[in-house]
N, C-alpha and C. Protein backbone atom coordinates (compact mmCIF):
# COMPACT_ATOMS: atom_id res chain seq x y z
N MET A 1 33.04 16.66 31.49
CA MET A 1 32.07 17.71 31.19
C MET A 1 32.84 19.03 31.08
N ASN A 2 32.58 19.76 30.03
CA ASN A 2 33.24 21.02 29.72
C ASN A 2 32.40 22.15 30.30
N ILE A 3 32.88 22.79 31.38
CA ILE A 3 32.10 23.81 32.09
C ILE A 3 32.81 25.15 32.03
N ILE A 4 32.02 26.21 31.85
CA ILE A 4 32.53 27.57 31.88
C ILE A 4 31.50 28.44 32.61
N THR A 5 31.98 29.40 33.36
CA THR A 5 31.06 30.27 34.11
C THR A 5 30.77 31.54 33.31
N VAL A 6 29.66 32.15 33.63
CA VAL A 6 29.29 33.41 32.99
C VAL A 6 30.31 34.48 33.34
N ALA A 7 30.82 34.45 34.56
CA ALA A 7 31.84 35.42 34.98
C ALA A 7 33.09 35.29 34.12
N GLU A 8 33.47 34.06 33.79
CA GLU A 8 34.65 33.86 32.94
C GLU A 8 34.41 34.41 31.54
N ILE A 9 33.20 34.26 31.05
CA ILE A 9 32.86 34.81 29.73
C ILE A 9 32.93 36.33 29.77
N LYS A 10 32.46 36.92 30.86
CA LYS A 10 32.52 38.37 30.98
C LYS A 10 33.96 38.87 30.98
N ARG A 11 34.86 38.10 31.65
CA ARG A 11 36.27 38.51 31.71
C ARG A 11 36.98 38.28 30.39
N SER A 12 36.76 37.13 29.76
CA SER A 12 37.56 36.76 28.58
C SER A 12 36.82 36.93 27.26
N GLY A 13 35.53 37.12 27.32
CA GLY A 13 34.74 37.28 26.11
C GLY A 13 34.58 35.97 25.35
N PHE A 14 34.37 36.10 24.04
CA PHE A 14 34.11 34.91 23.22
C PHE A 14 35.34 34.04 23.05
N ALA A 15 36.50 34.55 23.34
CA ALA A 15 37.71 33.71 23.25
C ALA A 15 37.60 32.53 24.21
N ALA A 16 37.04 32.75 25.38
CA ALA A 16 36.85 31.66 26.35
C ALA A 16 35.87 30.63 25.82
N LEU A 17 34.82 31.08 25.17
CA LEU A 17 33.84 30.15 24.59
C LEU A 17 34.44 29.37 23.42
N ASP A 18 35.20 30.05 22.58
CA ASP A 18 35.82 29.36 21.44
C ASP A 18 36.77 28.28 21.92
N ALA A 19 37.56 28.59 22.94
CA ALA A 19 38.50 27.60 23.47
C ALA A 19 37.76 26.42 24.08
N ALA A 20 36.69 26.68 24.79
CA ALA A 20 35.92 25.62 25.42
C ALA A 20 35.19 24.78 24.37
N LEU A 21 34.65 25.42 23.33
CA LEU A 21 33.93 24.69 22.27
C LEU A 21 34.85 23.77 21.48
N ALA A 22 36.12 24.08 21.44
CA ALA A 22 37.07 23.22 20.73
C ALA A 22 37.15 21.83 21.39
N GLN A 23 36.77 21.75 22.66
CA GLN A 23 36.80 20.48 23.39
C GLN A 23 35.45 19.78 23.41
N GLY A 24 34.41 20.38 22.83
CA GLY A 24 33.09 19.77 22.79
C GLY A 24 32.03 20.70 23.35
N PRO A 25 30.82 20.17 23.60
CA PRO A 25 29.74 21.00 24.14
C PRO A 25 30.15 21.67 25.45
N VAL A 26 29.67 22.90 25.65
CA VAL A 26 30.04 23.69 26.82
C VAL A 26 28.81 23.90 27.70
N HIS A 27 28.95 23.56 28.96
CA HIS A 27 27.90 23.79 29.95
C HIS A 27 28.15 25.13 30.60
N LEU A 28 27.21 26.06 30.47
CA LEU A 28 27.35 27.39 31.07
C LEU A 28 26.78 27.38 32.48
N MET A 29 27.53 27.92 33.40
CA MET A 29 27.12 27.98 34.81
C MET A 29 26.89 29.45 35.19
N LYS A 30 25.80 29.68 35.87
CA LYS A 30 25.47 31.03 36.35
C LYS A 30 25.08 30.89 37.81
N ARG A 31 25.81 31.54 38.68
CA ARG A 31 25.59 31.47 40.13
C ARG A 31 25.64 30.01 40.62
N ASN A 32 26.63 29.28 40.13
CA ASN A 32 26.87 27.88 40.51
C ASN A 32 25.71 26.94 40.14
N ARG A 33 24.95 27.32 39.15
CA ARG A 33 23.85 26.47 38.66
C ARG A 33 23.96 26.35 37.15
N PRO A 34 23.59 25.18 36.61
CA PRO A 34 23.59 25.04 35.14
C PRO A 34 22.61 26.04 34.53
N SER A 35 23.08 26.75 33.52
CA SER A 35 22.26 27.78 32.90
C SER A 35 21.91 27.42 31.44
N ALA A 36 22.88 26.88 30.72
CA ALA A 36 22.65 26.56 29.30
C ALA A 36 23.75 25.62 28.82
N VAL A 37 23.54 25.08 27.62
CA VAL A 37 24.56 24.26 26.96
C VAL A 37 24.80 24.87 25.60
N LEU A 38 26.05 25.10 25.28
CA LEU A 38 26.45 25.71 24.01
C LEU A 38 27.04 24.61 23.12
N LEU A 39 26.54 24.53 21.87
CA LEU A 39 27.01 23.53 20.91
C LEU A 39 27.61 24.21 19.70
N SER A 40 28.55 23.54 19.07
CA SER A 40 29.06 24.03 17.80
C SER A 40 27.97 23.83 16.74
N PRO A 41 28.03 24.56 15.64
CA PRO A 41 27.02 24.36 14.59
C PRO A 41 26.98 22.91 14.08
N ALA A 42 28.14 22.26 13.99
CA ALA A 42 28.17 20.87 13.51
C ALA A 42 27.49 19.94 14.52
N ASP A 43 27.76 20.13 15.82
CA ASP A 43 27.11 19.31 16.84
C ASP A 43 25.61 19.53 16.85
N TYR A 44 25.19 20.78 16.69
CA TYR A 44 23.76 21.10 16.67
C TYR A 44 23.07 20.45 15.47
N ALA A 45 23.70 20.52 14.30
CA ALA A 45 23.11 19.91 13.10
C ALA A 45 23.00 18.40 13.27
N ALA A 46 24.02 17.77 13.86
CA ALA A 46 23.99 16.34 14.10
C ALA A 46 22.86 15.98 15.07
N LEU A 47 22.67 16.79 16.09
CA LEU A 47 21.61 16.56 17.07
C LEU A 47 20.23 16.66 16.41
N LEU A 48 20.04 17.66 15.56
CA LEU A 48 18.77 17.81 14.85
C LEU A 48 18.52 16.64 13.90
N ALA A 49 19.56 16.22 13.20
CA ALA A 49 19.41 15.09 12.27
C ALA A 49 19.03 13.82 13.02
N GLN A 50 19.65 13.59 14.17
CA GLN A 50 19.33 12.40 14.96
C GLN A 50 17.90 12.47 15.47
N ALA A 51 17.45 13.64 15.90
CA ALA A 51 16.08 13.79 16.39
C ALA A 51 15.08 13.51 15.28
N GLN A 52 15.37 13.95 14.06
CA GLN A 52 14.46 13.71 12.94
C GLN A 52 14.41 12.23 12.59
N ARG A 53 15.57 11.54 12.68
CA ARG A 53 15.59 10.10 12.39
C ARG A 53 14.80 9.31 13.43
N ASN A 54 14.82 9.77 14.68
CA ASN A 54 14.17 9.05 15.76
C ASN A 54 12.68 9.35 15.87
N GLN A 55 12.21 10.38 15.20
CA GLN A 55 10.81 10.78 15.30
C GLN A 55 9.98 9.98 14.29
N PRO A 56 8.98 9.23 14.76
CA PRO A 56 8.16 8.49 13.81
C PRO A 56 7.35 9.46 12.95
N SER A 57 7.24 9.14 11.71
CA SER A 57 6.52 9.99 10.78
C SER A 57 5.06 9.58 10.70
N ALA A 58 4.16 10.53 10.85
CA ALA A 58 2.73 10.25 10.74
C ALA A 58 2.40 9.79 9.32
N ALA A 59 3.11 10.32 8.33
CA ALA A 59 2.84 9.94 6.95
C ALA A 59 3.16 8.46 6.74
N ASN A 60 4.19 7.95 7.39
CA ASN A 60 4.53 6.53 7.25
C ASN A 60 3.40 5.66 7.76
N GLY A 61 2.83 6.00 8.92
CA GLY A 61 1.74 5.22 9.48
C GLY A 61 0.52 5.23 8.58
N VAL A 62 0.20 6.38 8.04
CA VAL A 62 -0.96 6.50 7.16
C VAL A 62 -0.73 5.72 5.88
N SER A 63 0.46 5.83 5.31
CA SER A 63 0.73 5.12 4.06
C SER A 63 0.71 3.61 4.28
N GLN A 64 1.23 3.15 5.45
CA GLN A 64 1.15 1.72 5.76
C GLN A 64 -0.30 1.28 5.88
N PHE A 65 -1.10 2.11 6.52
CA PHE A 65 -2.51 1.78 6.72
C PHE A 65 -3.23 1.69 5.38
N LEU A 66 -2.97 2.66 4.50
CA LEU A 66 -3.68 2.70 3.23
C LEU A 66 -3.15 1.66 2.25
N ALA A 67 -1.88 1.28 2.38
CA ALA A 67 -1.27 0.37 1.42
C ALA A 67 -1.73 -1.07 1.62
N GLN A 68 -2.24 -1.40 2.77
CA GLN A 68 -2.66 -2.78 3.02
C GLN A 68 -3.89 -3.10 2.18
N ASP A 69 -3.90 -4.33 1.68
CA ASP A 69 -5.03 -4.76 0.85
C ASP A 69 -6.30 -4.84 1.68
N VAL A 70 -7.35 -4.34 1.11
CA VAL A 70 -8.66 -4.41 1.75
C VAL A 70 -9.54 -5.24 0.83
N ASP A 71 -10.19 -6.25 1.42
CA ASP A 71 -11.07 -7.08 0.59
C ASP A 71 -12.22 -6.23 0.05
N ALA A 72 -12.92 -6.75 -0.91
CA ALA A 72 -13.96 -6.00 -1.63
C ALA A 72 -15.03 -5.45 -0.70
N GLY A 73 -15.27 -6.12 0.42
CA GLY A 73 -16.31 -5.67 1.33
C GLY A 73 -15.88 -4.55 2.26
N GLY A 74 -14.60 -4.22 2.28
CA GLY A 74 -14.12 -3.18 3.18
C GLY A 74 -13.90 -3.72 4.58
N LEU A 75 -13.67 -2.84 5.50
CA LEU A 75 -13.42 -3.22 6.89
C LEU A 75 -14.62 -2.90 7.76
N ASP A 76 -14.93 -3.80 8.67
CA ASP A 76 -15.95 -3.49 9.67
C ASP A 76 -15.22 -2.87 10.87
N ALA A 77 -15.95 -2.51 11.90
CA ALA A 77 -15.36 -1.84 13.06
C ALA A 77 -14.31 -2.71 13.73
N VAL A 78 -14.55 -4.00 13.83
CA VAL A 78 -13.58 -4.90 14.47
C VAL A 78 -12.31 -5.00 13.63
N GLY A 79 -12.46 -5.12 12.32
CA GLY A 79 -11.30 -5.19 11.44
C GLY A 79 -10.47 -3.92 11.48
N LEU A 80 -11.16 -2.78 11.53
CA LEU A 80 -10.47 -1.49 11.60
C LEU A 80 -9.68 -1.37 12.91
N GLN A 81 -10.30 -1.78 14.03
CA GLN A 81 -9.59 -1.73 15.31
C GLN A 81 -8.39 -2.65 15.32
N ALA A 82 -8.53 -3.82 14.72
CA ALA A 82 -7.41 -4.78 14.66
C ALA A 82 -6.27 -4.20 13.84
N ARG A 83 -6.58 -3.57 12.71
CA ARG A 83 -5.53 -2.99 11.88
C ARG A 83 -4.84 -1.84 12.60
N LEU A 84 -5.60 -0.98 13.26
CA LEU A 84 -5.00 0.13 14.01
C LEU A 84 -4.13 -0.38 15.16
N ALA A 85 -4.57 -1.43 15.83
CA ALA A 85 -3.76 -2.01 16.91
C ALA A 85 -2.45 -2.54 16.36
N GLY A 86 -2.48 -3.15 15.20
CA GLY A 86 -1.25 -3.64 14.58
C GLY A 86 -0.30 -2.53 14.21
N LEU A 87 -0.82 -1.42 13.75
CA LEU A 87 0.04 -0.27 13.39
C LEU A 87 0.63 0.40 14.64
N ASN A 88 -0.10 0.34 15.75
CA ASN A 88 0.37 1.02 16.96
C ASN A 88 1.39 0.20 17.73
N ASP A 89 1.58 -1.07 17.38
CA ASP A 89 2.58 -1.89 18.05
C ASP A 89 3.95 -1.25 17.87
N GLY A 90 4.69 -1.14 18.96
CA GLY A 90 6.04 -0.60 18.88
C GLY A 90 6.10 0.91 19.09
N TRP A 91 4.99 1.59 19.11
CA TRP A 91 4.98 3.02 19.35
C TRP A 91 4.89 3.24 20.86
N SER A 92 5.69 4.14 21.37
CA SER A 92 5.62 4.41 22.82
C SER A 92 4.54 5.44 23.09
N ASP A 93 3.94 5.33 24.26
CA ASP A 93 2.94 6.31 24.68
C ASP A 93 3.66 7.48 25.31
N ARG A 94 3.68 8.60 24.61
CA ARG A 94 4.36 9.78 25.14
C ARG A 94 3.33 10.76 25.60
C-alpha cells in the first residue's frame, strides 16, 4: 500500500505526490487516519470503465422484455409475473 501523509505533502508539495503516484494509487493519511485515495488519470478512467461494464443496463432489461414473442392474446397477470421473474434471475438485490 502506497501511503503518504498530509504533513509530507505540506513539506514537499506536489513533488511528493508525483513520486508516490508513480508507484500506483496513493492513500492519504491525516492525523494517522485514512483521509483519501489519489489515483492517476489513467487509473481513474480504468476504474470508471470497469464500473460501467459491471452496472446492469435498464435498457437491456426492457429490450429483452419487449423482444420476446408474445402470442396473439397477450400476457395475463400470471404470464407477466413469470416473464418478470425470468428477467430478474441473476440480478442482485442492492
